[in-house]
Protein backbone atom coordinates (compact mmCIF):
# COMPACT_ATOMS: atom_id res chain seq x y z
CA UNK A 1 -25.65 -42.24 -8.65
CA UNK A 2 -24.96 -38.57 -8.37
CA UNK A 3 -24.56 -37.20 -11.86
CA UNK A 4 -22.07 -34.56 -10.83
CA UNK A 5 -19.23 -36.84 -11.83
CA UNK A 6 -20.24 -36.36 -15.45
CA UNK A 7 -18.21 -33.18 -15.66
CA UNK A 8 -15.08 -34.78 -14.26
CA UNK A 9 -12.91 -34.21 -17.31
CA UNK A 10 -9.19 -33.62 -17.77
CA UNK A 11 -6.78 -31.27 -19.45
CA UNK A 12 -3.13 -30.97 -20.50
CA UNK A 13 0.35 -29.95 -19.42
CA UNK A 14 2.71 -28.98 -22.21
CA UNK A 15 6.45 -28.45 -22.15
CA UNK A 16 7.37 -25.58 -19.86
CA UNK A 17 3.69 -24.92 -19.10
CA UNK A 18 3.19 -24.57 -15.37
CA UNK A 19 -0.43 -25.64 -15.18
CA UNK A 20 -2.58 -28.46 -13.86
CA UNK A 21 -3.72 -31.49 -15.83
CA UNK A 22 -5.24 -34.80 -14.76
CA UNK A 23 -4.91 -33.73 -11.10
CA UNK A 24 -1.46 -35.30 -10.95
CA UNK A 25 1.60 -34.12 -9.03
CA UNK A 26 4.00 -33.35 -11.85
CA UNK A 27 7.26 -31.51 -12.35
CA UNK A 28 7.30 -29.49 -15.55
CA UNK A 29 10.47 -27.76 -16.67
CA UNK A 30 11.64 -25.63 -13.77
CA UNK A 31 8.21 -25.51 -12.19
CA UNK A 32 6.92 -27.96 -9.62
CA UNK A 33 3.46 -28.04 -8.11
CA UNK A 34 2.98 -27.18 -4.48
CA UNK A 35 3.20 -30.24 -2.24
CA UNK A 36 -0.20 -31.87 -1.87
CA UNK A 37 -1.09 -35.36 -0.72
CA UNK A 38 0.11 -38.13 -3.00
CA UNK A 39 -3.49 -39.26 -3.32
CA UNK A 40 -4.09 -36.24 -5.53
CA UNK A 41 -3.15 -38.33 -8.60
CA UNK A 42 -6.13 -39.80 -10.40
CA UNK A 43 -7.09 -41.72 -13.45
CA UNK A 44 -9.54 -40.55 -16.07
CA UNK A 45 -11.60 -41.65 -19.00
CA UNK A 46 -8.87 -40.52 -21.40
CA UNK A 47 -5.65 -41.63 -19.77
CA UNK A 48 -4.09 -43.12 -16.67
CA UNK A 49 -1.20 -42.40 -14.38
CA UNK A 50 1.24 -42.84 -17.29
CA UNK A 51 0.61 -39.33 -18.46
CA UNK A 52 -1.68 -36.38 -18.81
CA UNK A 53 -4.32 -35.91 -21.45
CA UNK A 54 -5.82 -33.05 -23.34
CA UNK A 55 -9.49 -32.22 -23.19
CA UNK A 56 -10.08 -33.96 -26.52
CA UNK A 57 -8.52 -37.21 -25.39
CA UNK A 58 -5.01 -36.85 -26.82
CA UNK A 59 -2.54 -38.64 -24.56
CA UNK A 60 0.63 -36.66 -23.93
CA UNK A 61 3.85 -37.11 -22.06
CA UNK A 62 3.26 -34.73 -19.12
CA UNK A 63 6.90 -33.64 -19.12
CA UNK A 64 7.43 -33.11 -22.83
CA UNK A 65 3.95 -32.39 -24.19
CA UNK A 66 4.57 -35.00 -26.90
CA UNK A 67 1.38 -36.40 -28.43
CA UNK A 68 1.33 -40.19 -28.14
CA UNK A 69 -2.12 -40.98 -29.43
CA UNK A 70 -4.84 -38.99 -31.13
CA UNK A 71 -8.43 -40.07 -31.61
CA UNK A 72 -10.29 -39.37 -34.86
CA UNK A 73 -11.70 -35.89 -35.17
CA UNK A 74 -10.65 -33.61 -32.36
CA UNK A 75 -12.01 -30.39 -30.98
CA UNK A 76 -12.85 -27.20 -32.81
CA UNK A 77 -10.83 -24.27 -31.52
CA UNK A 78 -11.47 -20.68 -32.56
CA UNK A 79 -8.25 -19.16 -33.86
CA UNK A 80 -7.74 -15.65 -32.43
CA UNK A 81 -11.22 -15.33 -30.90
CA UNK A 82 -12.73 -11.87 -30.82
CA UNK A 83 -13.63 -10.11 -27.60
CA UNK A 84 -17.27 -10.89 -28.33
CA UNK A 85 -16.51 -14.58 -28.69
CA UNK A 86 -14.46 -14.60 -25.48
CA UNK A 87 -17.17 -12.80 -23.53
CA UNK A 88 -20.03 -15.02 -24.72
CA UNK A 89 -21.87 -16.52 -21.76
CA UNK A 90 -24.08 -19.58 -21.33
CA UNK A 91 -26.94 -20.33 -18.96
CA UNK A 92 -24.97 -19.51 -15.80
CA UNK A 93 -23.97 -15.94 -14.89
CA UNK A 94 -20.35 -14.85 -14.91
CA UNK A 95 -18.61 -14.81 -11.54
CA UNK A 96 -17.04 -11.36 -11.82
CA UNK A 97 -15.58 -8.66 -9.59
CA UNK A 98 -14.86 -5.02 -10.38
CA UNK A 99 -16.61 -2.42 -12.51
CA UNK A 100 -18.57 -3.80 -15.45
CA UNK A 101 -17.13 -0.96 -17.57
CA UNK A 102 -13.53 -1.38 -16.36
CA UNK A 103 -11.08 -0.72 -19.23
CA UNK A 104 -9.36 -4.12 -18.91
CA UNK A 105 -10.87 -7.57 -18.36
CA UNK A 106 -8.93 -10.50 -16.91
CA UNK A 107 -10.48 -13.97 -17.07
CA UNK A 108 -9.05 -16.86 -15.08
CA UNK A 109 -9.95 -20.47 -15.91
CA UNK A 110 -9.50 -22.57 -12.80
CA UNK A 111 -9.85 -26.04 -11.30
CA UNK A 112 -10.37 -26.34 -7.56
CA UNK A 113 -7.89 -29.23 -7.36
CA UNK A 114 -5.11 -27.29 -9.10
CA UNK A 115 -2.31 -26.24 -6.71
CA UNK A 116 -1.20 -23.49 -9.11
CA UNK A 117 -4.68 -22.00 -8.88
CA UNK A 118 -4.32 -22.10 -5.10
CA UNK A 119 -0.96 -20.38 -5.25
CA UNK A 120 -2.31 -17.63 -7.51
CA UNK A 121 -5.32 -17.02 -5.29
CA UNK A 122 -3.31 -16.91 -2.06
CA UNK A 123 -0.18 -15.12 -3.25
CA UNK A 124 -1.17 -12.99 -6.24
CA UNK A 125 -4.87 -12.19 -6.21
CA UNK A 126 -5.13 -10.16 -2.95
CA UNK A 127 -2.55 -7.57 -4.05
CA UNK A 128 -3.79 -7.58 -7.64
CA UNK A 129 -7.39 -7.05 -6.51
CA UNK A 130 -6.40 -4.14 -4.29
CA UNK A 131 -4.37 -2.41 -7.00
CA UNK A 132 -6.52 -3.04 -10.06
CA UNK A 133 -9.97 -4.49 -9.33
CA UNK A 134 -10.88 -2.34 -6.35
CA UNK A 135 -9.63 0.80 -8.14
CA UNK A 136 -11.87 0.21 -11.16
CA UNK A 137 -9.12 -0.60 -13.64
CA UNK A 138 -9.87 -4.31 -14.09
CA UNK A 139 -12.93 -6.52 -14.31
CA UNK A 140 -11.84 -9.93 -12.96
CA UNK A 141 -13.81 -13.03 -14.00
CA UNK A 142 -13.46 -16.59 -12.73
CA UNK A 143 -14.56 -19.39 -15.05
CA UNK A 144 -14.78 -23.00 -13.97
CA UNK A 145 -12.70 -25.64 -15.77
CA UNK A 146 -12.90 -28.62 -13.38
CA UNK A 147 -10.20 -31.25 -13.82
CA UNK A 148 -11.17 -34.57 -12.26
CA UNK A 149 -14.31 -35.83 -10.56
CA UNK A 150 -13.46 -34.37 -7.15
CA UNK A 151 -13.08 -30.94 -8.69
CA UNK A 152 -16.32 -31.41 -10.62
CA UNK A 153 -18.34 -32.12 -7.49
CA UNK A 154 -16.73 -29.31 -5.52
CA UNK A 155 -17.35 -26.91 -8.40
CA UNK A 156 -21.06 -27.65 -8.39
CA UNK A 157 -21.18 -26.99 -4.66
CA UNK A 158 -19.25 -23.76 -5.23
CA UNK A 159 -21.86 -22.50 -7.67
CA UNK A 160 -24.69 -23.48 -5.35
CA UNK A 161 -23.24 -21.28 -2.61
CA UNK A 162 -24.46 -18.24 -4.54
CA UNK A 163 -22.64 -15.15 -5.86
CA UNK A 164 -22.36 -13.50 -2.46
CA UNK A 165 -20.47 -16.49 -1.01
CA UNK A 166 -18.71 -17.67 -4.15
CA UNK A 167 -15.33 -16.01 -3.63
CA UNK A 168 -15.23 -16.96 0.04
CA UNK A 169 -15.94 -20.64 -0.67
CA UNK A 170 -13.64 -20.61 -3.70
CA UNK A 171 -10.75 -19.50 -1.51
CA UNK A 172 -11.63 -22.06 1.16
CA UNK A 173 -11.65 -24.92 -1.36
CA UNK A 174 -8.25 -23.85 -2.64
CA UNK A 175 -6.67 -23.15 0.74
CA UNK A 176 -7.95 -26.46 2.15
CA UNK A 177 -7.13 -28.69 -0.82
CA UNK A 178 -5.21 -31.12 1.39
CA UNK A 179 -8.39 -31.86 3.37
CA UNK A 180 -10.64 -32.93 0.49
CA UNK A 181 -8.62 -33.66 -2.68
CA UNK A 182 -7.96 -37.36 -3.18
CA UNK A 183 -8.12 -40.08 -5.81
CA UNK A 184 -11.64 -40.96 -4.74
CA UNK A 185 -14.49 -38.47 -4.63
CA UNK A 186 -15.04 -37.87 -0.91
CA UNK A 187 -18.33 -36.02 -0.67
CA UNK A 188 -18.18 -35.73 3.12
CA UNK A 189 -14.82 -33.96 2.88
CA UNK A 190 -16.10 -31.65 0.14
CA UNK A 191 -19.18 -30.85 2.21
CA UNK A 192 -17.01 -30.11 5.25
CA UNK A 193 -15.60 -27.17 3.30
CA UNK A 194 -18.94 -26.04 1.86
CA UNK A 195 -20.45 -26.13 5.34
CA UNK A 196 -18.09 -23.36 6.40
CA UNK A 197 -20.09 -20.81 4.41
CA UNK A 198 -23.43 -21.95 5.85
CA UNK A 199 -24.47 -24.64 3.35
CA UNK A 200 -26.65 -27.37 4.87
CA UNK A 201 -26.20 -31.04 3.96
CA UNK A 202 -29.63 -31.07 2.34
CA UNK A 203 -28.68 -28.10 0.16
CA UNK A 204 -25.38 -29.77 -0.71
CA UNK A 205 -26.95 -33.10 -1.68
CA UNK A 206 -29.66 -31.43 -3.74
CA UNK A 207 -27.07 -29.24 -5.42
CA UNK A 208 -25.06 -32.23 -6.66
CA UNK A 209 -28.17 -33.52 -8.41
CA UNK A 210 -29.05 -30.19 -10.03
CA UNK A 211 -28.85 -31.14 -13.70
CA UNK A 212 -29.31 -27.56 -14.87
CA UNK A 213 -26.28 -26.53 -12.82
CA UNK A 214 -24.25 -29.45 -14.17
CA UNK A 215 -25.22 -28.61 -17.75
CA UNK A 216 -24.34 -24.95 -17.21
CA UNK A 217 -20.90 -25.79 -15.87
CA UNK A 218 -20.33 -28.21 -18.71
CA UNK A 219 -21.15 -25.38 -21.14
CA UNK A 220 -18.48 -23.18 -19.52
CA UNK A 221 -15.83 -25.88 -19.80
CA UNK A 222 -16.75 -26.87 -23.36
CA UNK A 223 -16.74 -23.20 -24.38
CA UNK A 224 -13.35 -22.80 -22.75
CA UNK A 225 -11.99 -25.63 -24.86
CA UNK A 226 -13.36 -23.92 -27.96
CA UNK A 227 -11.50 -20.74 -26.96
CA UNK A 228 -8.23 -22.67 -26.62
CA UNK A 229 -8.14 -23.37 -22.88
CA UNK A 230 -6.03 -26.48 -22.27
CA UNK A 231 -5.40 -26.50 -18.51
CA UNK A 232 -5.48 -24.45 -15.35
CA UNK A 233 -4.77 -21.77 -14.67
CA UNK A 234 -5.18 -20.30 -18.14
CA UNK A 235 -5.99 -16.61 -18.54
CA UNK A 236 -7.43 -14.14 -20.99
CA UNK A 237 -5.81 -10.75 -20.32
CA UNK A 238 -7.45 -8.01 -22.36
CA UNK A 239 -8.47 -10.63 -24.94
CA UNK A 240 -5.08 -12.35 -25.16
CA UNK A 241 -4.84 -16.01 -24.12
CA UNK A 242 -2.04 -16.82 -21.66
CA UNK A 243 -1.48 -20.52 -21.02
CA UNK A 244 0.79 -20.34 -18.01
CA UNK A 245 0.93 -19.35 -14.39
CA UNK A 246 1.21 -15.60 -13.88
CA UNK A 247 3.08 -13.90 -11.07
CA UNK A 248 1.93 -10.57 -9.69
CA UNK A 249 4.62 -8.86 -11.73
CA UNK A 250 3.62 -10.71 -14.92
CA UNK A 251 -0.05 -9.88 -14.61
CA UNK A 252 0.54 -6.29 -13.54
CA UNK A 253 2.80 -5.67 -16.53
CA UNK A 254 0.20 -7.07 -18.93
CA UNK A 255 -2.55 -4.96 -17.42
CA UNK A 256 -0.41 -1.80 -17.44
CA UNK A 257 0.40 -2.35 -21.12
CA UNK A 258 -3.29 -2.79 -21.90
CA UNK A 259 -4.25 0.30 -19.92
CA UNK A 260 -1.57 2.35 -21.67
CA UNK A 261 -2.81 1.20 -25.07
CA UNK A 262 -6.32 2.37 -24.22
CA UNK A 263 -5.27 5.75 -22.84
CA UNK A 264 -2.33 6.48 -25.13
CA UNK A 265 -0.01 6.90 -22.16
CA UNK A 266 3.25 5.07 -21.66
CA UNK A 267 3.02 1.94 -19.47
CA UNK A 268 3.91 2.57 -15.86
CA UNK A 269 5.81 0.19 -13.65
CA UNK A 270 3.74 -2.48 -11.94
CA UNK A 271 1.55 -0.65 -9.48
CA UNK A 272 0.59 -3.68 -7.42
CA UNK A 273 2.69 -4.28 -4.36
CA UNK A 274 2.48 -6.95 -1.73
């Protein structure tokens, strides 16, 4: 059996937190996920369709964030991690865009099955990249936090595409979620997306059995948990953890404030425009 499913883990939705958990279609507060096929809902090792679950197995009510069960122990989370702790990397290289010495770093934790991640990539990222990444103001990093087995398998294929094709395939997986996301892991459907960037079926099948790749991705997700990541999308903006969806205006304001703090100038209005 392909071992890629080993990283199919789940995360959490808290009250008022517009993020993805357990790959379910949920309404949280005033935020509702984009419409995706009803088959997006899935079960997991930690919970079932009754609710979402945190990465450490705590069952929660997906609408209220109320903890309903907690296993012994729990996970160790670094309180107020330093920049050095946030930027620590494992065996896989960072997927990053922009100048390495850019004054501000934005890190996005994502799951390929998360409709909020799709919305951010399609509606926010292009204008943000043009205004901040391409101009040398921001280093933008994507870190994988797969939620569910389908996302886990697609994420491995994404990494195997290579750095030069990563962003292209990443956007294709998000834009085409309706074609491959389902309760069952449909490898043919996942491959149909990966094939669009030139990946052969042999490469795809070998990739899903690449234990070093699987272990490296597991390190990224486990490290994310340690840093306080609880769902997707979660962000680090200039070292500050943001556990909610960010609009273009939200993210621009945060970056402008960070830039102003580094230069001593007053923050300007959001420079990014659609």
